[in-house]
């Protein structure tokens, strides 16, 4: 299966074991993953860093027996160091090692799409992508992707080996890909895989009090989710609520529909631990916004109107994607 043969909505699996407070139990996560396949999802996205490997293991344990039913994407380079802390390691030998570990945890002999989770600038990009190309030649991965990179980095990588996809945060309130990556992907025939297409919960309209987020929730360190900034950002949601009411669907479904109508080469991978949201997110594929509705939302919620940066300075240091002035 190729990425362009998957459904427009895939499942981002990170939150099942990482980042947003208390993770799901293995039993809950397994039930959700199998339900996703039953509903028609056919694209699962994970990474070596999510849960320090436990997210890949979770997918392997839960759905390896249904491996022919889904397109599998994972990532390398962003990995835990010897102390379990976040680190970047784009050396070819570490990429090969991380891939072998992923294959074992995922209980498969083939990963359909393997991303450089971040561009490790300590290592020549050509060396990192070259190692990925060797994995393609060895039949261990089917295609190469990049995550959170600039258009220039994409072009450099594509000169070494064709790049199948760029994964980047993209939603109504995060549009960095519009600066250059969106058009460059279209030019090169690569897909844009939108992670956090619901703005890490913001665009659902249900997260109204950020002071109640768990201490371990990564949003605690994101400027957009500070108490002052978030209160201002909530005021931008009224047009989204109105359009959702007009369609008799949730705000989340409309936000996903907006992303999918941005361009033909976009795939969205919202994450959830809720069976209800799993179903409604998938149903967003059938919603068609009018041009007027799409433009209304485009103008109402965007990087120029949102308060606060999307990452802390420390996290932003690892991101290669272009930034708005």
Protein backbone atom coordinates (compact mmCIF):
# COMPACT_ATOMS: atom_id res chain seq x y z
CA UNK A 1 0.00 0.00 0.00
CA UNK A 2 1.20 3.52 -0.82
CA UNK A 3 0.47 6.65 1.19
CA UNK A 4 -1.67 8.09 -1.59
CA UNK A 5 -3.81 4.95 -1.41
CA UNK A 6 -4.70 5.46 2.25
CA UNK A 7 -7.80 7.21 3.51
CA UNK A 8 -7.53 10.99 3.97
CA UNK A 9 -7.80 10.53 7.75
CA UNK A 10 -5.23 8.33 9.47
CA UNK A 11 -4.57 7.76 13.16
CA UNK A 12 -1.75 9.47 15.01
CA UNK A 13 -0.88 7.07 17.83
CA UNK A 14 1.42 9.19 20.01
CA UNK A 15 -1.15 10.13 22.63
CA UNK A 16 -1.88 6.49 23.42
CA UNK A 17 1.39 6.29 25.35
CA UNK A 18 3.00 9.73 25.43
CA UNK A 19 2.66 13.48 25.90
CA UNK A 20 -0.92 14.25 26.97
CA UNK A 21 -1.17 13.27 30.61
CA UNK A 22 -1.97 9.74 31.73
CA UNK A 23 -1.67 7.34 28.76
CA UNK A 24 -4.20 4.69 27.84
CA UNK A 25 -3.76 1.23 29.32
CA UNK A 26 -2.48 -1.39 26.86
CA UNK A 27 -5.93 -2.99 26.90
CA UNK A 28 -7.69 0.30 26.11
CA UNK A 29 -5.21 1.15 23.38
CA UNK A 30 -5.50 -2.29 21.79
CA UNK A 31 -9.27 -2.00 21.72
CA UNK A 32 -9.04 1.44 20.10
CA UNK A 33 -6.55 0.34 17.43
CA UNK A 34 -8.65 -2.65 16.46
CA UNK A 35 -11.78 -0.51 16.38
CA UNK A 36 -9.96 1.91 14.09
CA UNK A 37 -9.33 -0.88 11.61
CA UNK A 38 -12.94 -2.01 11.90
CA UNK A 39 -14.11 1.54 11.11
CA UNK A 40 -11.94 1.72 8.00
CA UNK A 41 -8.78 3.47 9.18
CA UNK A 42 -5.82 2.14 7.22
CA UNK A 43 -2.91 4.39 8.27
CA UNK A 44 -1.22 4.25 11.68
CA UNK A 45 1.55 6.69 12.60
CA UNK A 46 4.04 6.09 15.42
CA UNK A 47 7.69 6.80 16.28
CA UNK A 48 10.63 5.39 18.20
CA UNK A 49 10.46 8.29 20.65
CA UNK A 50 6.78 7.95 21.56
CA UNK A 51 6.69 6.37 24.97
CA UNK A 52 10.40 5.56 24.52
CA UNK A 53 9.52 2.67 22.23
CA UNK A 54 6.37 1.54 23.99
CA UNK A 55 4.12 3.09 21.34
CA UNK A 56 5.64 0.94 18.61
CA UNK A 57 5.39 -2.08 20.92
CA UNK A 58 1.75 -1.27 21.58
CA UNK A 59 0.90 -1.32 17.88
CA UNK A 60 2.82 -4.54 17.38
CA UNK A 61 1.06 -6.26 20.25
CA UNK A 62 -2.39 -4.98 19.29
CA UNK A 63 -2.64 -5.25 15.52
CA UNK A 64 0.35 -7.10 14.07
CA UNK A 65 -2.04 -9.96 13.32
CA UNK A 66 -3.91 -7.56 11.00
CA UNK A 67 -0.77 -6.16 9.35
CA UNK A 68 -2.18 -6.41 5.81
CA UNK A 69 -4.98 -4.00 6.75
CA UNK A 70 -2.94 -0.86 7.43
CA UNK A 71 -0.21 1.41 6.12
CA UNK A 72 2.44 1.71 8.82
CA UNK A 73 4.57 4.79 9.41
CA UNK A 74 7.24 5.28 12.05
CA UNK A 75 10.20 7.57 12.68
CA UNK A 76 13.85 7.65 13.70
CA UNK A 77 16.52 10.25 14.71
CA UNK A 78 14.50 11.70 17.61
CA UNK A 79 15.40 9.07 20.18
CA UNK A 80 16.00 8.78 23.93
CA UNK A 81 19.59 9.15 25.10
CA UNK A 82 21.20 6.90 27.71
CA UNK A 83 19.24 8.75 30.42
CA UNK A 84 15.93 8.49 28.60
CA UNK A 85 16.00 12.16 27.63
CA UNK A 86 15.08 13.61 24.26
CA UNK A 87 18.01 13.64 21.80
CA UNK A 88 18.72 13.78 18.08
CA UNK A 89 20.93 11.16 16.44
CA UNK A 90 20.96 11.13 12.66
CA UNK A 91 24.08 9.01 12.23
CA UNK A 92 23.57 6.20 9.70
CA UNK A 93 24.45 3.51 12.24
CA UNK A 94 21.87 4.84 14.72
CA UNK A 95 19.21 5.06 12.00
CA UNK A 96 19.82 1.42 11.09
CA UNK A 97 19.73 0.39 14.74
CA UNK A 98 16.51 2.32 15.40
CA UNK A 99 14.86 0.73 12.37
CA UNK A 100 15.77 -2.79 13.49
CA UNK A 101 14.38 -2.07 16.95
CA UNK A 102 11.19 -0.69 15.40
CA UNK A 103 10.69 -3.77 13.25
CA UNK A 104 10.98 -6.00 16.31
CA UNK A 105 8.61 -3.91 18.41
CA UNK A 106 6.08 -3.54 15.60
CA UNK A 107 6.30 -7.29 14.93
CA UNK A 108 6.71 -6.80 11.20
CA UNK A 109 9.42 -7.14 8.58
CA UNK A 110 8.43 -3.99 6.69
CA UNK A 111 7.58 -0.37 7.56
CA UNK A 112 5.70 1.34 4.73
CA UNK A 113 6.96 4.87 5.47
CA UNK A 114 9.93 5.76 7.66
CA UNK A 115 10.57 9.38 8.63
CA UNK A 116 13.52 11.34 9.86
CA UNK A 117 11.60 12.63 12.89
CA UNK A 118 13.86 15.68 13.02
CA UNK A 119 16.78 16.90 10.94
CA UNK A 120 19.91 16.33 13.04
CA UNK A 121 22.13 19.16 11.82
CA UNK A 122 25.20 17.61 13.43
CA UNK A 123 25.14 14.98 10.69
CA UNK A 124 25.22 15.72 6.94
CA UNK A 125 21.65 15.39 5.67
CA UNK A 126 22.89 13.36 2.74
CA UNK A 127 24.33 10.77 5.13
CA UNK A 128 21.08 10.40 7.06
CA UNK A 129 18.93 10.17 3.94
CA UNK A 130 21.49 7.86 2.36
CA UNK A 131 21.09 5.46 5.28
CA UNK A 132 17.34 5.54 4.77
CA UNK A 133 17.82 4.81 1.07
CA UNK A 134 19.83 1.73 2.04
CA UNK A 135 16.89 0.57 4.17
CA UNK A 136 14.62 0.94 1.14
CA UNK A 137 17.06 -1.09 -0.97
CA UNK A 138 17.19 -3.76 1.75
CA UNK A 139 13.39 -4.08 1.70
CA UNK A 140 12.99 -2.98 5.31
CA UNK A 141 11.08 0.24 4.53
CA UNK A 142 8.97 1.21 1.56
CA UNK A 143 9.43 4.96 1.40
CA UNK A 144 11.23 7.85 3.07
CA UNK A 145 9.62 10.80 4.82
CA UNK A 146 10.82 13.89 6.63
CA UNK A 147 9.25 15.66 9.60
CA UNK A 148 9.31 19.36 10.52
CA UNK A 149 11.70 20.40 7.74
CA UNK A 150 12.01 23.41 5.47
CA UNK A 151 11.48 23.40 1.72
CA UNK A 152 15.23 23.74 1.18
CA UNK A 153 15.93 20.69 3.34
CA UNK A 154 13.24 18.78 1.47
CA UNK A 155 14.89 19.58 -1.86
CA UNK A 156 18.32 18.51 -0.60
CA UNK A 157 16.94 15.23 0.69
CA UNK A 158 14.96 14.59 -2.47
CA UNK A 159 18.17 14.89 -4.48
CA UNK A 160 19.51 11.87 -2.58
CA UNK A 161 16.34 9.76 -2.72
CA UNK A 162 12.71 10.56 -3.60
CA UNK A 163 10.84 11.80 -0.54
CA UNK A 164 7.33 10.42 -0.22
CA UNK A 165 5.97 12.70 2.50
CA UNK A 166 6.66 15.59 4.82
CA UNK A 167 4.96 15.41 8.19
CA UNK A 168 4.34 18.79 9.73
CA UNK A 169 1.97 20.39 12.17
CA UNK A 170 -0.85 21.86 10.11
CA UNK A 171 -4.24 23.17 11.14
CA UNK A 172 -6.26 26.36 11.19
CA UNK A 173 -3.98 27.77 13.85
CA UNK A 174 -0.64 26.46 12.53
CA UNK A 175 0.15 27.26 8.90
CA UNK A 176 3.95 27.21 8.66
CA UNK A 177 3.76 24.75 5.76
CA UNK A 178 2.02 27.44 3.72
CA UNK A 179 5.26 29.44 3.61
CA UNK A 180 6.97 26.99 1.25
CA UNK A 181 6.63 23.30 2.18
CA UNK A 182 3.07 22.85 0.91
CA UNK A 183 3.90 24.01 -2.61
CA UNK A 184 7.27 22.26 -2.70
CA UNK A 185 5.66 18.95 -1.77
CA UNK A 186 3.13 19.39 -4.58
CA UNK A 187 5.95 20.14 -7.01
CA UNK A 188 7.96 17.06 -5.98
CA UNK A 189 4.98 14.72 -5.76
CA UNK A 190 5.22 14.30 -1.99
CA UNK A 191 2.29 14.18 0.41
CA UNK A 192 1.84 16.54 3.35
CA UNK A 193 0.93 14.59 6.48
CA UNK A 194 -0.71 16.96 8.95
CA UNK A 195 -0.13 16.12 12.59
CA UNK A 196 -2.09 17.90 15.32
CA UNK A 197 -4.75 18.96 12.77
CA UNK A 198 -7.03 19.76 15.72
CA UNK A 199 -4.53 22.13 17.29
CA UNK A 200 -3.72 19.73 20.15
CA UNK A 201 -7.35 19.95 21.28
CA UNK A 202 -7.85 23.69 20.82
CA UNK A 203 -9.99 23.36 17.68
CA UNK A 204 -12.36 20.88 19.30
CA UNK A 205 -13.77 23.68 21.44
CA UNK A 206 -13.90 21.34 24.42
CA UNK A 207 -10.61 22.38 26.03
CA UNK A 208 -11.61 25.55 27.85
CA UNK A 209 -9.48 25.50 31.01
CA UNK A 210 -5.77 24.91 30.47
CA UNK A 211 -5.06 25.20 34.19
CA UNK A 212 -6.50 21.70 34.55
CA UNK A 213 -3.96 20.09 32.23
CA UNK A 214 -1.81 17.44 33.89
CA UNK A 215 1.68 18.51 34.91
CA UNK A 216 3.09 15.94 32.47
CA UNK A 217 1.05 17.31 29.54
CA UNK A 218 3.39 18.75 26.88
CA UNK A 219 0.99 21.63 26.28
CA UNK A 220 2.05 23.04 29.65
CA UNK A 221 5.29 24.18 27.99
CA UNK A 222 3.70 25.58 24.81
CA UNK A 223 3.22 29.37 24.80
CA UNK A 224 -0.13 29.15 23.00
CA UNK A 225 -1.49 27.20 25.94
CA UNK A 226 -0.43 29.65 28.63
CA UNK A 227 -3.44 30.84 30.60
CA UNK A 228 -3.35 34.39 29.20
CA UNK A 229 -2.72 33.44 25.57
CA UNK A 230 -5.24 30.63 25.56
CA UNK A 231 -8.02 32.84 26.90
CA UNK A 232 -7.45 35.15 23.93
CA UNK A 233 -7.27 32.23 21.49
CA UNK A 234 -10.62 30.88 22.66
CA UNK A 235 -12.25 34.08 21.42
CA UNK A 236 -11.30 33.16 17.83
CA UNK A 237 -13.42 30.00 17.78
CA UNK A 238 -16.90 31.47 17.29
CA UNK A 239 -16.91 31.19 13.44
CA UNK A 240 -15.81 27.55 13.72
CA UNK A 241 -18.66 26.89 16.12
CA UNK A 242 -21.13 28.54 13.73
CA UNK A 243 -20.03 26.46 10.73
CA UNK A 244 -20.18 23.28 12.82
CA UNK A 245 -23.72 24.12 13.90
CA UNK A 246 -24.70 24.74 10.28
CA UNK A 247 -23.52 21.23 9.36
CA UNK A 248 -24.82 19.66 12.58
CA UNK A 249 -21.38 18.22 13.33
CA UNK A 250 -18.63 18.86 15.86
CA UNK A 251 -16.11 21.68 15.63
CA UNK A 252 -13.39 19.03 15.35
CA UNK A 253 -14.99 17.55 12.24
CA UNK A 254 -15.16 20.95 10.56
CA UNK A 255 -11.54 21.71 11.49
CA UNK A 256 -10.46 18.43 9.89
CA UNK A 257 -12.58 19.09 6.80
CA UNK A 258 -10.88 22.47 6.45
CA UNK A 259 -7.45 20.82 6.46
CA UNK A 260 -8.44 18.20 3.88
CA UNK A 261 -9.85 20.85 1.55
CA UNK A 262 -6.65 22.92 1.72
CA UNK A 263 -4.94 20.76 -0.94
CA UNK A 264 -5.30 17.40 -2.65
CA UNK A 265 -1.97 16.09 -1.35
CA UNK A 266 -2.82 16.39 2.36
CA UNK A 267 -3.42 13.50 4.76
CA UNK A 268 -4.46 14.28 8.35
CA UNK A 269 -3.54 12.11 11.33
CA UNK A 270 -5.47 13.28 14.39
CA UNK A 271 -4.84 11.33 17.56
CA UNK A 272 -7.39 10.33 20.17
CA UNK A 273 -7.96 7.90 23.00
CA UNK A 274 -11.74 8.26 22.71
CA UNK A 275 -13.77 5.75 20.73
CA UNK A 276 -16.39 8.42 20.05
CA UNK A 277 -13.84 10.88 18.69
CA UNK A 278 -12.22 8.09 16.69
CA UNK A 279 -15.52 7.67 14.85
CA UNK A 280 -16.35 11.35 14.38
CA UNK A 281 -12.83 12.23 13.23
CA UNK A 282 -13.08 9.57 10.54
CA UNK A 283 -16.49 10.87 9.46
CA UNK A 284 -14.97 14.29 8.76
CA UNK A 285 -13.84 12.94 5.39
CA UNK A 286 -17.41 13.21 4.13
CA UNK A 287 -17.95 16.86 5.09
CA UNK A 288 -17.75 19.41 2.27
CA UNK A 289 -17.37 23.03 3.24
CA UNK A 290 -18.54 25.68 0.80
CA UNK A 291 -15.89 28.05 -0.54
CA UNK A 292 -17.39 30.77 1.63
CA UNK A 293 -17.23 28.61 4.75
CA UNK A 294 -13.67 27.54 4.05
CA UNK A 295 -12.60 31.15 3.53
CA UNK A 296 -14.45 32.33 6.64
CA UNK A 297 -12.47 29.89 8.76
CA UNK A 298 -9.26 30.64 6.90
CA UNK A 299 -9.60 34.31 7.81
CA UNK A 300 -10.86 33.80 11.36
CA UNK A 301 -8.17 31.52 12.80
CA UNK A 302 -4.59 31.74 11.52
CA UNK A 303 -1.02 32.36 12.60
CA UNK A 304 -1.45 36.12 12.39
CA UNK A 305 -4.34 36.08 14.88
CA UNK A 306 -3.29 33.34 17.27
CA UNK A 307 -1.56 34.42 20.47
CA UNK A 308 1.66 32.67 21.45
CA UNK A 309 4.30 30.58 19.69
CA UNK A 310 3.57 26.92 18.99
CA UNK A 311 6.73 25.64 20.71
CA UNK A 312 8.97 26.71 23.56
CA UNK A 313 12.39 28.01 22.54
CA UNK A 314 14.00 24.69 23.52
CA UNK A 315 11.63 22.62 21.37
CA UNK A 316 11.78 25.10 18.50
CA UNK A 317 15.55 24.63 18.33
CA UNK A 318 15.01 21.13 16.87
CA UNK A 319 12.53 22.32 14.23
CA UNK A 320 13.72 23.14 10.71
CA UNK A 321 10.34 24.29 9.33
CA UNK A 322 10.14 27.89 8.14
CA UNK A 323 8.80 30.41 10.65
CA UNK A 324 6.55 33.38 10.05
CA UNK A 325 8.25 36.74 10.45
